[in-house]
Every structure is written in C-alpha cells, then in structure tokens.
Amino acid sequence: MDGWTWDNVKVSILYCKGRVLGYERAKRNQNPNVSLIQVEGVQTTKDAQFYLGKRIAYVYRAQREVNGSKIRVIWGRIARTHGTNGVVKARFRKNLPPKVFGASVRVMLYPSNI
C-alpha cells in the first residue's frame, strides 16, 4: 500500500445528532407515545420540514449480552414539527424511557424525500 492516504477517501455521513427533550405534554398530562427531539443545527420550522419521515435511532448499551452484543437500538420515525424553533415530534417502536431525557439520538438522513 505505497502512497495510500486518507485524502483520497470520501466519507458519507448517514446521520446527524439530536437531543431528547421529553414527552409531548399538556399542562397536566403527558403522552409517552410521542417524544420531542431537538435536531442539532435546526432552528426554524422550515428547516425541520426536511426531517419529516426520517428514521431516528436511540442507541444504548445494556448490561446483558444478546446475540453477541451489548449494544441495543430503539427505532422511531419523525412525525411532525413542534412549535416554531425547529423541534420535531417522533414516535418510537417502544416508548423511550424517561431516563433518556437529555440523551443523544441519531437522526438518519434516509429515506430521502428530495
């Protein structure tokens, strides 16, 4: 491998980061089926429109090994925007546990709608 460098390699990024803010809620009730996510770098509703329908993954490490791995994933999908500051609502296959509030999630850049 003479002359090989990383300069020739093109890297494709498949996801961007987001942060779990909490559940959708009213004054007295909260809905654990829907989680609020702040996507990194998104400040307006117009920017958040791009992420509608995108897959989202919460990746975490468990104590017990299953199928040779301690890493687990809860998958979801971005459903709609929330408010005017770029927050989105996401539904996960299994509701996120409350201890992940403030944790990081991966917002996949697929499926593409452009």
Protein backbone atom coordinates (compact mmCIF):
# COMPACT_ATOMS: atom_id res chain seq x y z
CA MET A 1 0.00 0.00 0.00
CA ASP A 2 2.63 2.51 -1.01
CA GLY A 3 1.36 6.05 -1.32
CA TRP A 4 -2.04 5.33 0.26
CA THR A 5 -3.54 8.24 2.25
CA TRP A 6 -6.88 9.19 3.76
CA ASP A 7 -7.06 12.19 1.42
CA ASN A 8 -8.49 10.01 -1.37
CA VAL A 9 -11.29 8.60 0.78
CA LYS A 10 -14.74 10.18 0.57
CA VAL A 11 -16.80 9.77 3.75
CA SER A 12 -20.59 9.78 3.64
CA ILE A 13 -22.38 10.80 6.82
CA LEU A 14 -25.60 8.84 7.31
CA TYR A 15 -26.96 10.61 10.37
CA CYS A 16 -26.95 13.83 12.36
CA LYS A 17 -27.35 14.24 16.10
CA GLY A 18 -30.43 15.15 18.05
CA ARG A 19 -31.36 15.54 21.69
CA VAL A 20 -34.38 14.09 23.51
CA LEU A 21 -36.26 16.90 25.25
CA GLY A 22 -39.06 14.86 26.81
CA TYR A 23 -42.54 13.57 26.05
CA GLU A 24 -45.29 15.50 24.31
CA ARG A 25 -47.30 17.01 27.13
CA ALA A 26 -50.08 19.33 28.17
CA LYS A 27 -50.41 21.16 31.44
CA ARG A 28 -51.28 18.07 33.48
CA ASN A 29 -50.95 15.09 31.12
CA GLN A 30 -48.01 13.73 29.20
CA ASN A 31 -48.08 11.39 26.23
CA PRO A 32 -45.20 8.87 26.31
CA ASN A 33 -46.04 7.67 22.77
CA VAL A 34 -44.54 10.85 21.32
CA SER A 35 -41.09 12.24 22.16
CA LEU A 36 -39.83 15.75 21.43
CA ILE A 37 -36.46 15.88 19.66
CA GLN A 38 -34.22 18.91 19.03
CA VAL A 39 -32.16 18.21 15.91
CA GLU A 40 -28.67 19.75 16.00
CA GLY A 41 -28.41 22.85 13.80
CA VAL A 42 -32.16 23.17 13.19
CA GLN A 43 -33.60 26.49 14.40
CA THR A 44 -36.80 27.02 12.38
CA THR A 45 -39.90 25.10 11.38
CA LYS A 46 -38.90 25.41 7.72
CA ASP A 47 -35.57 23.67 8.42
CA ALA A 48 -37.34 20.97 10.45
CA GLN A 49 -39.62 20.12 7.49
CA PHE A 50 -36.64 18.39 5.82
CA TYR A 51 -36.53 15.76 8.59
CA LEU A 52 -40.18 14.68 8.40
CA GLY A 53 -40.41 10.94 7.74
CA LYS A 54 -36.74 10.33 8.56
CA ARG A 55 -35.79 7.36 10.73
CA ILE A 56 -34.41 8.02 14.19
CA ALA A 57 -32.42 5.71 16.47
CA TYR A 58 -31.67 5.76 20.18
CA VAL A 59 -28.53 3.65 20.64
CA TYR A 60 -27.65 2.46 24.14
CA ARG A 61 -25.52 -0.07 25.94
CA ALA A 62 -27.22 -2.77 28.04
CA GLN A 63 -25.73 -4.94 30.77
CA ARG A 64 -26.58 -8.36 29.37
CA GLU A 65 -25.21 -9.61 26.08
CA VAL A 66 -27.77 -10.70 23.46
CA ASN A 67 -26.63 -12.23 20.15
CA GLY A 68 -23.03 -11.35 20.96
CA SER A 69 -23.60 -7.62 21.53
CA LYS A 70 -24.44 -5.35 24.44
CA ILE A 71 -25.50 -2.53 22.12
CA ARG A 72 -29.25 -2.10 21.58
CA VAL A 73 -31.31 0.27 19.44
CA ILE A 74 -34.83 1.67 19.71
CA TRP A 75 -36.01 2.79 16.26
CA GLY A 76 -38.54 5.50 15.51
CA ARG A 77 -39.70 7.94 12.87
CA ILE A 78 -40.11 11.72 12.84
CA ALA A 79 -43.82 12.51 12.54
CA ARG A 80 -44.22 16.31 12.51
CA THR A 81 -42.79 19.60 13.70
CA HIS A 82 -43.48 21.10 17.13
CA GLY A 83 -43.58 24.84 17.66
CA THR A 84 -41.52 27.41 15.77
CA ASN A 85 -37.99 26.66 16.98
CA GLY A 86 -37.15 23.52 15.00
CA VAL A 87 -38.25 20.85 17.50
CA VAL A 88 -39.83 17.72 15.99
CA LYS A 89 -42.14 15.00 17.33
CA ALA A 90 -41.05 11.39 16.94
CA ARG A 91 -42.81 8.08 17.55
CA PHE A 92 -40.64 5.13 18.60
CA ARG A 93 -41.47 1.43 18.28
CA LYS A 94 -41.18 1.15 22.06
CA ASN A 95 -41.66 4.31 24.10
CA LEU A 96 -38.41 5.88 25.24
CA PRO A 97 -37.79 5.50 28.99
CA PRO A 98 -37.70 8.78 30.95
CA LYS A 99 -34.02 8.33 31.86
CA VAL A 100 -33.06 9.18 28.26
CA PHE A 101 -34.33 12.78 28.54
CA GLY A 102 -31.36 14.89 27.52
CA ALA A 103 -29.64 11.95 25.81
CA SER A 104 -28.37 11.96 22.24
CA VAL A 105 -30.17 10.24 19.34
CA ARG A 106 -29.20 9.62 15.73
CA VAL A 107 -31.42 11.20 13.08
CA MET A 108 -30.83 9.23 9.89
CA LEU A 109 -30.74 11.12 6.60
CA TYR A 110 -32.89 8.47 4.91
CA PRO A 111 -35.44 7.86 3.49
CA SER A 112 -34.83 10.85 1.22
CA ASN A 113 -37.76 12.93 0.04
CA ILE A 114 -35.83 15.15 -2.38
